PDB file of N, CA and C in Angstrom:
ATOM      1  N   THR A   1     -67.439 183.286 196.081  1.00  0.00           N
ATOM      2  CA  THR A   1     -66.570 183.009 194.945  1.00  0.00           C
ATOM      3  C   THR A   1     -66.630 184.162 193.958  1.00  0.00           C
ATOM      4  N   ASP A   2     -65.479 184.627 193.541  1.00  0.00           N
ATOM      5  CA  ASP A   2     -65.390 185.696 192.548  1.00  0.00           C
ATOM      6  C   ASP A   2     -65.148 185.079 191.171  1.00  0.00           C
ATOM      7  N   TRP A   3     -66.142 185.153 190.319  1.00  0.00           N
ATOM      8  CA  TRP A   3     -66.050 184.615 188.969  1.00  0.00           C
ATOM      9  C   TRP A   3     -65.392 185.637 188.044  1.00  0.00           C
ATOM     10  N   PHE A   4     -64.727 185.156 187.010  1.00  0.00           N
ATOM     11  CA  PHE A   4     -64.189 186.013 185.965  1.00  0.00           C
ATOM     12  C   PHE A   4     -64.447 185.348 184.625  1.00  0.00           C
ATOM     13  N   ILE A   5     -64.418 186.128 183.573  1.00  0.00           N
ATOM     14  CA  ILE A   5     -64.676 185.616 182.225  1.00  0.00           C
ATOM     15  C   ILE A   5     -63.536 186.037 181.309  1.00  0.00           C
ATOM     16  N   PHE A   6     -62.981 185.052 180.603  1.00  0.00           N
ATOM     17  CA  PHE A   6     -62.021 185.336 179.545  1.00  0.00           C
ATOM     18  C   PHE A   6     -62.782 185.357 178.234  1.00  0.00           C
ATOM     19  N   THR A   7     -62.520 186.327 177.388  1.00  0.00           N
ATOM     20  CA  THR A   7     -63.067 186.331 176.034  1.00  0.00           C
ATOM     21  C   THR A   7     -61.917 186.564 175.064  1.00  0.00           C
ATOM     22  N   ILE A   8     -62.046 185.966 173.893  1.00  0.00           N
ATOM     23  CA  ILE A   8     -61.045 186.153 172.857  1.00  0.00           C
ATOM     24  C   ILE A   8     -61.739 186.141 171.503  1.00  0.00           C
ATOM     25  N   LYS A   9     -61.405 187.100 170.668  1.00  0.00           N
ATOM     26  CA  LYS A   9     -62.005 187.241 169.339  1.00  0.00           C
ATOM     27  C   LYS A   9     -61.191 186.395 168.358  1.00  0.00           C
ATOM     28  N   VAL A  10     -61.888 185.563 167.602  1.00  0.00           N
ATOM     29  CA  VAL A  10     -61.247 184.649 166.659  1.00  0.00           C
ATOM     30  C   VAL A  10     -61.723 184.976 165.249  1.00  0.00           C
ATOM     31  N   ASP A  11     -60.819 184.844 164.289  1.00  0.00           N
ATOM     32  CA  ASP A  11     -61.155 185.069 162.888  1.00  0.00           C
ATOM     33  C   ASP A  11     -60.456 184.006 162.060  1.00  0.00           C
ATOM     34  N   ASP A  12     -60.987 183.707 160.892  1.00  0.00           N
ATOM     35  CA  ASP A  12     -60.402 182.723 159.990  1.00  0.00           C
ATOM     36  C   ASP A  12     -60.618 183.210 158.567  1.00  0.00           C
ATOM     37  N   PRO A  13     -59.617 183.087 157.688  1.00  0.00           N
ATOM     38  CA  PRO A  13     -59.773 183.540 156.307  1.00  0.00           C
ATOM     39  C   PRO A  13     -60.944 182.876 155.581  1.00  0.00           C
ATOM     40  N   ASN A  14     -61.324 181.673 156.031  1.00  0.00           N
ATOM     41  CA  ASN A  14     -62.437 180.952 155.418  1.00  0.00           C
ATOM     42  C   ASN A  14     -63.759 181.193 156.130  1.00  0.00           C
ATOM     43  N   GLY A  15     -63.776 182.146 157.049  1.00  0.00           N
ATOM     44  CA  GLY A  15     -65.005 182.479 157.770  1.00  0.00           C
ATOM     45  C   GLY A  15     -65.092 181.790 159.116  1.00  0.00           C
ATOM     46  N   LEU A  16     -65.992 182.291 159.952  1.00  0.00           N
ATOM     47  CA  LEU A  16     -66.154 181.749 161.296  1.00  0.00           C
ATOM     48  C   LEU A  16     -66.605 180.296 161.299  1.00  0.00           C
ATOM     49  N   VAL A  17     -67.309 179.864 160.248  1.00  0.00           N
ATOM     50  CA  VAL A  17     -67.779 178.475 160.200  1.00  0.00           C
ATOM     51  C   VAL A  17     -66.624 177.487 160.090  1.00  0.00           C
ATOM     52  N   ASP A  18     -65.434 177.974 159.713  1.00  0.00           N
ATOM     53  CA  ASP A  18     -64.268 177.095 159.582  1.00  0.00           C
ATOM     54  C   ASP A  18     -63.570 176.839 160.918  1.00  0.00           C
ATOM     55  N   ILE A  19     -63.934 177.576 161.958  1.00  0.00           N
ATOM     56  CA  ILE A  19     -63.299 177.372 163.259  1.00  0.00           C
ATOM     57  C   ILE A  19     -63.904 176.152 163.929  1.00  0.00           C
ATOM     58  N   GLN A  20     -63.052 175.182 164.217  1.00  0.00           N
ATOM     59  CA  GLN A  20     -63.515 173.947 164.849  1.00  0.00           C
ATOM     60  C   GLN A  20     -63.614 174.106 166.355  1.00  0.00           C
ATOM     61  N   GLU A  21     -62.567 174.698 166.963  1.00  0.00           N
ATOM     62  CA  GLU A  21     -62.587 174.879 168.410  1.00  0.00           C
ATOM     63  C   GLU A  21     -61.605 175.958 168.838  1.00  0.00           C
ATOM     64  N   MET A  22     -61.907 176.528 169.972  1.00  0.00           N
ATOM     65  CA  MET A  22     -61.046 177.505 170.625  1.00  0.00           C
ATOM     66  C   MET A  22     -60.819 176.970 172.022  1.00  0.00           C
ATOM     67  N   TYR A  23     -59.565 176.934 172.446  1.00  0.00           N
ATOM     68  CA  TYR A  23     -59.271 176.328 173.734  1.00  0.00           C
ATOM     69  C   TYR A  23     -58.078 177.009 174.390  1.00  0.00           C
ATOM     70  N   PHE A  24     -57.829 176.625 175.634  1.00  0.00           N
ATOM     71  CA  PHE A  24     -56.618 177.090 176.303  1.00  0.00           C
ATOM     72  C   PHE A  24     -56.068 175.991 177.195  1.00  0.00           C
ATOM     73  N   LYS A  25     -54.762 176.059 177.388  1.00  0.00           N
ATOM     74  CA  LYS A  25     -54.071 175.216 178.359  1.00  0.00           C
ATOM     75  C   LYS A  25     -53.766 176.115 179.545  1.00  0.00           C
ATOM     76  N   LEU A  26     -53.908 175.554 180.733  1.00  0.00           N
ATOM     77  CA  LEU A  26     -53.714 176.316 181.962  1.00  0.00           C
ATOM     78  C   LEU A  26     -52.616 175.662 182.796  1.00  0.00           C
ATOM     79  N   TYR A  27     -51.604 176.454 183.149  1.00  0.00           N
ATOM     80  CA  TYR A  27     -50.481 175.958 183.933  1.00  0.00           C
ATOM     81  C   TYR A  27     -50.448 176.635 185.294  1.00  0.00           C
ATOM     82  N   ARG A  28     -50.328 175.818 186.339  1.00  0.00           N
ATOM     83  CA  ARG A  28     -50.232 176.320 187.708  1.00  0.00           C
ATOM     84  C   ARG A  28     -48.894 177.033 187.913  1.00  0.00           C
ATOM     85  N   PRO A  29     -48.771 177.770 189.013  1.00  0.00           N
ATOM     86  CA  PRO A  29     -47.501 178.433 189.309  1.00  0.00           C
ATOM     87  C   PRO A  29     -46.310 177.478 189.392  1.00  0.00           C
ATOM     88  N   ASP A  30     -46.550 176.217 189.764  1.00  0.00           N
ATOM     89  CA  ASP A  30     -45.441 175.256 189.836  1.00  0.00           C
ATOM     90  C   ASP A  30     -45.125 174.632 188.474  1.00  0.00           C
ATOM     91  N   GLY A  31     -45.844 175.074 187.409  1.00  0.00           N
ATOM     92  CA  GLY A  31     -45.580 174.600 186.054  1.00  0.00           C
ATOM     93  C   GLY A  31     -46.378 173.388 185.619  1.00  0.00           C
ATOM     94  N   THR A  32     -47.161 172.795 186.522  1.00  0.00           N
ATOM     95  CA  THR A  32     -47.956 171.630 186.153  1.00  0.00           C
ATOM     96  C   THR A  32     -49.230 172.062 185.432  1.00  0.00           C
ATOM     97  N   LEU A  33     -49.698 171.192 184.547  1.00  0.00           N
ATOM     98  CA  LEU A  33     -50.904 171.447 183.765  1.00  0.00           C
ATOM     99  C   LEU A  33     -52.145 171.248 184.622  1.00  0.00           C
ATOM    100  N   SER A  34     -53.089 172.173 184.519  1.00  0.00           N
ATOM    101  CA  SER A  34     -54.374 172.057 185.194  1.00  0.00           C
ATOM    102  C   SER A  34     -55.438 171.851 184.116  1.00  0.00           C
ATOM    103  N   ALA A  35     -56.010 170.652 184.077  1.00  0.00           N
ATOM    104  CA  ALA A  35     -57.014 170.330 183.056  1.00  0.00           C
ATOM    105  C   ALA A  35     -57.972 169.288 183.607  1.00  0.00           C
ATOM    106  N   PRO A  36     -59.177 169.224 183.020  1.00  0.00           N
ATOM    107  CA  PRO A  36     -60.120 168.173 183.434  1.00  0.00           C
ATOM    108  C   PRO A  36     -59.522 166.793 183.202  1.00  0.00           C
ATOM    109  N   ALA A  37     -59.949 165.818 183.985  1.00  0.00           N
ATOM    110  CA  ALA A  37     -59.422 164.451 183.882  1.00  0.00           C
ATOM    111  C   ALA A  37     -59.451 163.945 182.440  1.00  0.00           C
ATOM    112  N   GLY A  38     -58.320 163.425 181.989  1.00  0.00           N
ATOM    113  CA  GLY A  38     -58.219 162.834 180.661  1.00  0.00           C
ATOM    114  C   GLY A  38     -58.063 163.847 179.535  1.00  0.00           C
ATOM    115  N   GLN A  39     -57.923 165.125 179.848  1.00  0.00           N
ATOM    116  CA  GLN A  39     -57.789 166.158 178.821  1.00  0.00           C
ATOM    117  C   GLN A  39     -56.531 166.978 179.064  1.00  0.00           C
ATOM    118  N   THR A  40     -56.110 167.707 178.029  1.00  0.00           N
ATOM    119  CA  THR A  40     -54.944 168.574 178.165  1.00  0.00           C
ATOM    120  C   THR A  40     -55.306 170.050 178.015  1.00  0.00           C
ATOM    121  N   TYR A  41     -56.578 170.329 177.713  1.00  0.00           N
ATOM    122  CA  TYR A  41     -56.989 171.714 177.535  1.00  0.00           C
ATOM    123  C   TYR A  41     -58.447 171.887 177.918  1.00  0.00           C
ATOM    124  N   ARG A  42     -58.872 173.148 177.930  1.00  0.00           N
ATOM    125  CA  ARG A  42     -60.259 173.499 178.272  1.00  0.00           C
ATOM    126  C   ARG A  42     -60.866 174.235 177.075  1.00  0.00           C
ATOM    127  N   LEU A  43     -62.043 173.799 176.658  1.00  0.00           N
ATOM    128  CA  LEU A  43     -62.715 174.426 175.523  1.00  0.00           C
ATOM    129  C   LEU A  43     -63.411 175.713 175.919  1.00  0.00           C
ATOM    130  N   MET A  44     -63.355 176.689 175.022  1.00  0.00           N
ATOM    131  CA  MET A  44     -64.096 177.936 175.180  1.00  0.00           C
ATOM    132  C   MET A  44     -65.342 177.837 174.300  1.00  0.00           C
ATOM    133  N   VAL A  45     -66.335 178.677 174.537  1.00  0.00           N
ATOM    134  CA  VAL A  45     -67.602 178.590 173.804  1.00  0.00           C
ATOM    135  C   VAL A  45     -67.950 179.894 173.091  1.00  0.00           C
ATOM    136  N   ASP A  46     -68.686 179.741 172.005  1.00  0.00           N
ATOM    137  CA  ASP A  46     -69.272 180.871 171.273  1.00  0.00           C
ATOM    138  C   ASP A  46     -70.720 180.505 170.959  1.00  0.00           C
ATOM    139  N   ASP A  47     -71.453 180.113 172.016  1.00  0.00           N
ATOM    140  CA  ASP A  47     -72.811 179.604 171.839  1.00  0.00           C
ATOM    141  C   ASP A  47     -73.893 180.481 172.468  1.00  0.00           C
ATOM    142  N   GLY A  48     -73.507 181.644 172.992  1.00  0.00           N
ATOM    143  CA  GLY A  48     -74.483 182.546 173.593  1.00  0.00           C
ATOM    144  C   GLY A  48     -74.958 182.137 174.969  1.00  0.00           C
ATOM    145  N   ASN A  49     -74.357 181.109 175.572  1.00  0.00           N
ATOM    146  CA  ASN A  49     -74.768 180.640 176.885  1.00  0.00           C
ATOM    147  C   ASN A  49     -74.090 181.481 177.966  1.00  0.00           C
ATOM    148  N   ALA A  50     -74.852 182.333 178.612  1.00  0.00           N
ATOM    149  CA  ALA A  50     -74.310 183.233 179.637  1.00  0.00           C
ATOM    150  C   ALA A  50     -73.737 182.472 180.823  1.00  0.00           C
ATOM    151  N   ASN A  51     -74.231 181.261 181.097  1.00  0.00           N
ATOM    152  CA  ASN A  51     -73.682 180.463 182.192  1.00  0.00           C
ATOM    153  C   ASN A  51     -72.206 180.146 181.971  1.00  0.00           C
ATOM    154  N   PHE A  52     -71.781 180.114 180.713  1.00  0.00           N
ATOM    155  CA  PHE A  52     -70.384 179.857 180.375  1.00  0.00           C
ATOM    156  C   PHE A  52     -69.659 181.148 180.001  1.00  0.00           C
ATOM    157  N   GLY A  53     -70.334 182.289 180.161  1.00  0.00           N
ATOM    158  CA  GLY A  53     -69.714 183.582 179.959  1.00  0.00           C
ATOM    159  C   GLY A  53     -69.841 184.160 178.568  1.00  0.00           C
ATOM    160  N   ASP A  54     -70.571 183.490 177.667  1.00  0.00           N
ATOM    161  CA  ASP A  54     -70.664 183.985 176.295  1.00  0.00           C
ATOM    162  C   ASP A  54     -71.933 184.799 176.106  1.00  0.00           C
ATOM    163  N   ALA A  55     -71.786 185.976 175.497  1.00  0.00           N
ATOM    164  CA  ALA A  55     -72.923 186.887 175.358  1.00  0.00           C
ATOM    165  C   ALA A  55     -73.723 186.651 174.079  1.00  0.00           C
ATOM    166  N   ILE A  56     -73.035 186.442 172.942  1.00  0.00           N
ATOM    167  CA  ILE A  56     -73.713 186.346 171.643  1.00  0.00           C
ATOM    168  C   ILE A  56     -73.207 185.117 170.888  1.00  0.00           C
ATOM    169  N   ALA A  57     -74.111 184.255 170.488  1.00  0.00           N
ATOM    170  CA  ALA A  57     -73.737 183.048 169.753  1.00  0.00           C
ATOM    171  C   ALA A  57     -73.244 183.385 168.346  1.00  0.00           C
ATOM    172  N   GLY A  58     -72.160 182.706 167.933  1.00  0.00           N
ATOM    173  CA  GLY A  58     -71.694 182.780 166.556  1.00  0.00           C
ATOM    174  C   GLY A  58     -71.044 184.074 166.123  1.00  0.00           C
ATOM    175  N   ASP A  59     -70.628 184.912 167.086  1.00  0.00           N
ATOM    176  CA  ASP A  59     -70.019 186.198 166.711  1.00  0.00           C
ATOM    177  C   ASP A  59     -68.494 186.152 166.628  1.00  0.00           C
ATOM    178  N   GLY A  60     -67.905 184.981 166.862  1.00  0.00           N
ATOM    179  CA  GLY A  60     -66.453 184.855 166.803  1.00  0.00           C
ATOM    180  C   GLY A  60     -65.756 185.230 168.087  1.00  0.00           C
ATOM    181  N   THR A  61     -66.511 185.605 169.119  1.00  0.00           N
ATOM    182  CA  THR A  61     -65.926 185.885 170.425  1.00  0.00           C
ATOM    183  C   THR A  61     -66.188 184.682 171.325  1.00  0.00           C
ATOM    184  N   TYR A  62     -65.120 183.982 171.658  1.00  0.00           N
ATOM    185  CA  TYR A  62     -65.208 182.784 172.488  1.00  0.00           C
ATOM    186  C   TYR A  62     -64.976 183.169 173.941  1.00  0.00           C
ATOM    187  N   SER A  63     -65.677 182.483 174.843  1.00  0.00           N
ATOM    188  CA  SER A  63     -65.645 182.849 176.254  1.00  0.00           C
ATOM    189  C   SER A  63     -65.440 181.629 177.141  1.00  0.00           C
ATOM    190  N   TYR A  64     -64.968 181.910 178.340  1.00  0.00           N
ATOM    191  CA  TYR A  64     -64.818 180.876 179.366  1.00  0.00           C
ATOM    192  C   TYR A  64     -65.006 181.543 180.720  1.00  0.00           C
ATOM    193  N   ARG A  65     -65.904 181.009 181.522  1.00  0.00           N
ATOM    194  CA  ARG A  65     -66.213 181.555 182.852  1.00  0.00           C
ATOM    195  C   ARG A  65     -65.580 180.640 183.892  1.00  0.00           C
ATOM    196  N   SER A  66     -64.858 181.222 184.836  1.00  0.00           N
ATOM    197  CA  SER A  66     -64.150 180.402 185.816  1.00  0.00           C
ATOM    198  C   SER A  66     -63.939 181.170 187.117  1.00  0.00           C
ATOM    199  N   TYR A  67     -63.259 180.520 188.055  1.00  0.00           N
ATOM    200  CA  TYR A  67     -62.887 181.132 189.332  1.00  0.00           C
ATOM    201  C   TYR A  67     -61.734 180.328 189.928  1.00  0.00           C
ATOM    202  N   PHE A  68     -61.078 180.899 190.906  1.00  0.00           N
ATOM    203  CA  PHE A  68     -60.084 180.182 191.702  1.00  0.00           C
ATOM    204  C   PHE A  68     -60.674 179.983 193.087  1.00  0.00           C
ATOM    205  N   ASP A  69     -60.598 178.753 193.598  1.00  0.00           N
ATOM    206  CA  ASP A  69     -61.114 178.535 194.952  1.00  0.00           C
ATOM    207  C   ASP A  69     -60.018 178.858 195.972  1.00  0.00           C
ATOM    208  N   LEU A  70     -60.354 178.781 197.229  1.00  0.00           N
ATOM    209  CA  LEU A  70     -59.435 179.171 198.297  1.00  0.00           C
ATOM    210  C   LEU A  70     -58.213 178.269 198.411  1.00  0.00           C
ATOM    211  N   THR A  71     -58.265 177.071 197.801  1.00  0.00           N
ATOM    212  CA  THR A  71     -57.131 176.146 197.867  1.00  0.00           C
ATOM    213  C   THR A  71     -56.207 176.261 196.656  1.00  0.00           C
ATOM    214  N   ALA A  72     -56.489 177.186 195.734  1.00  0.00           N
ATOM    215  CA  ALA A  72     -55.667 177.343 194.532  1.00  0.00           C
ATOM    216  C   ALA A  72     -54.248 177.772 194.907  1.00  0.00           C
ATOM    217  N   GLN A  73     -53.270 177.246 194.166  1.00  0.00           N
ATOM    218  CA  GLN A  73     -51.885 177.665 194.380  1.00  0.00           C
ATOM    219  C   GLN A  73     -51.775 179.175 194.168  1.00  0.00           C
ATOM    220  N   THR A  74     -51.012 179.819 195.010  1.00  0.00           N
ATOM    221  CA  THR A  74     -50.763 181.240 194.809  1.00  0.00           C
ATOM    222  C   THR A  74     -49.553 181.405 193.892  1.00  0.00           C
ATOM    223  N   GLY A  75     -49.553 182.521 193.181  1.00  0.00           N
ATOM    224  CA  GLY A  75     -48.473 182.792 192.242  1.00  0.00           C
ATOM    225  C   GLY A  75     -49.039 183.070 190.864  1.00  0.00           C
ATOM    226  N   VAL A  76     -48.190 182.962 189.863  1.00  0.00           N
ATOM    227  CA  VAL A  76     -48.568 183.296 188.491  1.00  0.00           C
ATOM    228  C   VAL A  76     -49.052 182.052 187.747  1.00  0.00           C
ATOM    229  N   TRP A  77     -50.304 182.090 187.302  1.00  0.00           N
ATOM    230  CA  TRP A  77     -50.906 181.048 186.475  1.00  0.00           C
ATOM    231  C   TRP A  77     -50.766 181.482 185.019  1.00  0.00           C
ATOM    232  N   ARG A  78     -50.405 180.551 184.140  1.00  0.00           N
ATOM    233  CA  ARG A  78     -50.204 180.877 182.719  1.00  0.00           C
ATOM    234  C   ARG A  78     -51.297 180.234 181.865  1.00  0.00           C
ATOM    235  N   TYR A  79     -51.946 181.056 181.059  1.00  0.00           N
ATOM    236  CA  TYR A  79     -52.968 180.611 180.115  1.00  0.00           C
ATOM    237  C   TYR A  79     -52.371 180.685 178.713  1.00  0.00           C
ATOM    238  N   GLU A  80     -52.546 179.622 177.931  1.00  0.00           N
ATOM    239  CA  GLU A  80     -52.091 179.600 176.541  1.00  0.00           C
ATOM    240  C   GLU A  80     -53.300 179.314 175.647  1.00  0.00           C
ATOM    241  N   PHE A  81     -53.758 180.341 174.922  1.00  0.00           N
ATOM    242  CA  PHE A  81     -54.948 180.249 174.081  1.00  0.00           C
ATOM    243  C   PHE A  81     -54.559 179.895 172.646  1.00  0.00           C
ATOM    244  N   GLN A  82     -55.383 179.039 172.006  1.00  0.00           N
ATOM    245  CA  GLN A  82     -55.130 178.670 170.616  1.00  0.00           C
ATOM    246  C   GLN A  82     -56.434 178.206 169.959  1.00  0.00           C
ATOM    247  N   ALA A  83     -56.563 178.509 168.665  1.00  0.00           N
ATOM    248  CA  ALA A  83     -57.733 178.075 167.891  1.00  0.00           C
ATOM    249  C   ALA A  83     -57.298 177.024 166.876  1.00  0.00           C
ATOM    250  N   LYS A  84     -58.257 176.195 166.485  1.00  0.00           N
ATOM    251  CA  LYS A  84     -58.015 175.143 165.488  1.00  0.00           C
ATOM    252  C   LYS A  84     -59.147 175.206 164.466  1.00  0.00           C
ATOM    253  N   ASP A  85     -58.790 175.168 163.166  1.00  0.00           N
ATOM    254  CA  ASP A  85     -59.839 175.193 162.147  1.00  0.00           C
ATOM    255  C   ASP A  85     -60.163 173.776 161.678  1.00  0.00           C
ATOM    256  N   ARG A  86     -61.135 173.652 160.804  1.00  0.00           N
ATOM    257  CA  ARG A  86     -61.625 172.336 160.373  1.00  0.00           C
ATOM    258  C   ARG A  86     -60.610 171.555 159.549  1.00  0.00           C
ATOM    259  N   ASN A  87     -59.562 172.224 159.052  1.00  0.00           N
ATOM    260  CA  ASN A  87     -58.479 171.535 158.339  1.00  0.00           C
ATOM    261  C   ASN A  87     -57.366 171.115 159.281  1.00  0.00           C
ATOM    262  N   GLY A  88     -57.512 171.421 160.573  1.00  0.00           N
ATOM    263  CA  GLY A  88     -56.498 171.074 161.561  1.00  0.00           C
ATOM    264  C   GLY A  88     -55.409 172.126 161.722  1.00  0.00           C
ATOM    265  N   ASN A  89     -55.550 173.257 161.025  1.00  0.00           N
ATOM    266  CA  ASN A  89     -54.569 174.337 161.158  1.00  0.00           C
ATOM    267  C   ASN A  89     -54.737 175.009 162.519  1.00  0.00           C
ATOM    268  N   LEU A  90     -53.603 175.318 163.141  1.00  0.00           N
ATOM    269  CA  LEU A  90     -53.612 175.955 164.461  1.00  0.00           C
ATOM    270  C   LEU A  90     -53.223 177.421 164.350  1.00  0.00           C
ATOM    271  N   SER A  91     -53.845 178.232 165.167  1.00  0.00           N
ATOM    272  CA  SER A  91     -53.499 179.653 165.234  1.00  0.00           C
ATOM    273  C   SER A  91     -52.212 179.831 166.024  1.00  0.00           C
ATOM    274  N   ASN A  92     -51.745 181.075 166.065  1.00  0.00           N
ATOM    275  CA  ASN A  92     -50.662 181.396 166.977  1.00  0.00           C
ATOM    276  C   ASN A  92     -51.170 181.229 168.407  1.00  0.00           C
ATOM    277  N   VAL A  93     -50.246 181.057 169.334  1.00  0.00           N
ATOM    278  CA  VAL A  93     -50.604 180.914 170.743  1.00  0.00           C
ATOM    279  C   VAL A  93     -50.558 182.297 171.393  1.00  0.00           C
ATOM    280  N   ILE A  94     -51.625 182.628 172.100  1.00  0.00           N
ATOM    281  CA  ILE A  94     -51.679 183.875 172.862  1.00  0.00           C
ATOM    282  C   ILE A  94     -51.557 183.506 174.329  1.00  0.00           C
ATOM    283  N   THR A  95     -50.564 184.071 174.993  1.00  0.00           N
ATOM    284  CA  THR A  95     -50.295 183.771 176.388  1.00  0.00           C
ATOM    285  C   THR A  95     -50.761 184.912 177.282  1.00  0.00           C
ATOM    286  N   HIS A  96     -51.394 184.544 178.393  1.00  0.00           N
ATOM    287  CA  HIS A  96     -51.839 185.533 179.371  1.00  0.00           C
ATOM    288  C   HIS A  96     -51.491 184.997 180.758  1.00  0.00           C
ATOM    289  N   ASN A  97     -50.917 185.822 181.597  1.00  0.00           N
ATOM    290  CA  ASN A  97     -50.593 185.436 182.973  1.00  0.00           C
ATOM    291  C   ASN A  97     -51.567 186.093 183.935  1.00  0.00           C
ATOM    292  N   MET A  98     -51.922 185.337 184.977  1.00  0.00           N
ATOM    293  CA  MET A  98     -52.793 185.867 186.012  1.00  0.00           C
ATOM    294  C   MET A  98     -52.169 185.520 187.369  1.00  0.00           C
ATOM    295  N   THR A  99     -52.085 186.510 188.222  1.00  0.00           N
ATOM    296  CA  THR A  99     -51.517 186.292 189.554  1.00  0.00           C
ATOM    297  C   THR A  99     -52.626 186.034 190.566  1.00  0.00           C
ATOM    298  N   VAL A 100     -52.476 184.933 191.313  1.00  0.00           N
ATOM    299  CA  VAL A 100     -53.400 184.582 192.377  1.00  0.00           C
ATOM    300  C   VAL A 100     -52.670 184.796 193.703  1.00  0.00           C
ATOM    301  N   ASN A 101     -53.258 185.612 194.574  1.00  0.00           N
ATOM    302  CA  ASN A 101     -52.624 185.922 195.869  1.00  0.00           C
ATOM    303  C   ASN A 101     -53.266 185.136 196.983  1.00  0.00           C
TER     304      ASN A 101
END
């Protein structure tokens, strides 16, 4: 299995302590949502846990470690990243496409 890590730097005018969560929605090539049961998104971490792909806790760089297995749909997968602060304000959405062959 070939693992990869997504990282994204987050900032907030009220400081990093105001960031409640950083997450992404993942869409398969056929347009359907790929998420854990009962959820619509996947949380990223900034806790320094290398098992989840994060190098330094609390630095504002959120990470997510993942892979595609051999049964994954081929084509373009779309990632939509967004942050939420403690007041419920949402950041702009950052979109990234990844092609699986």
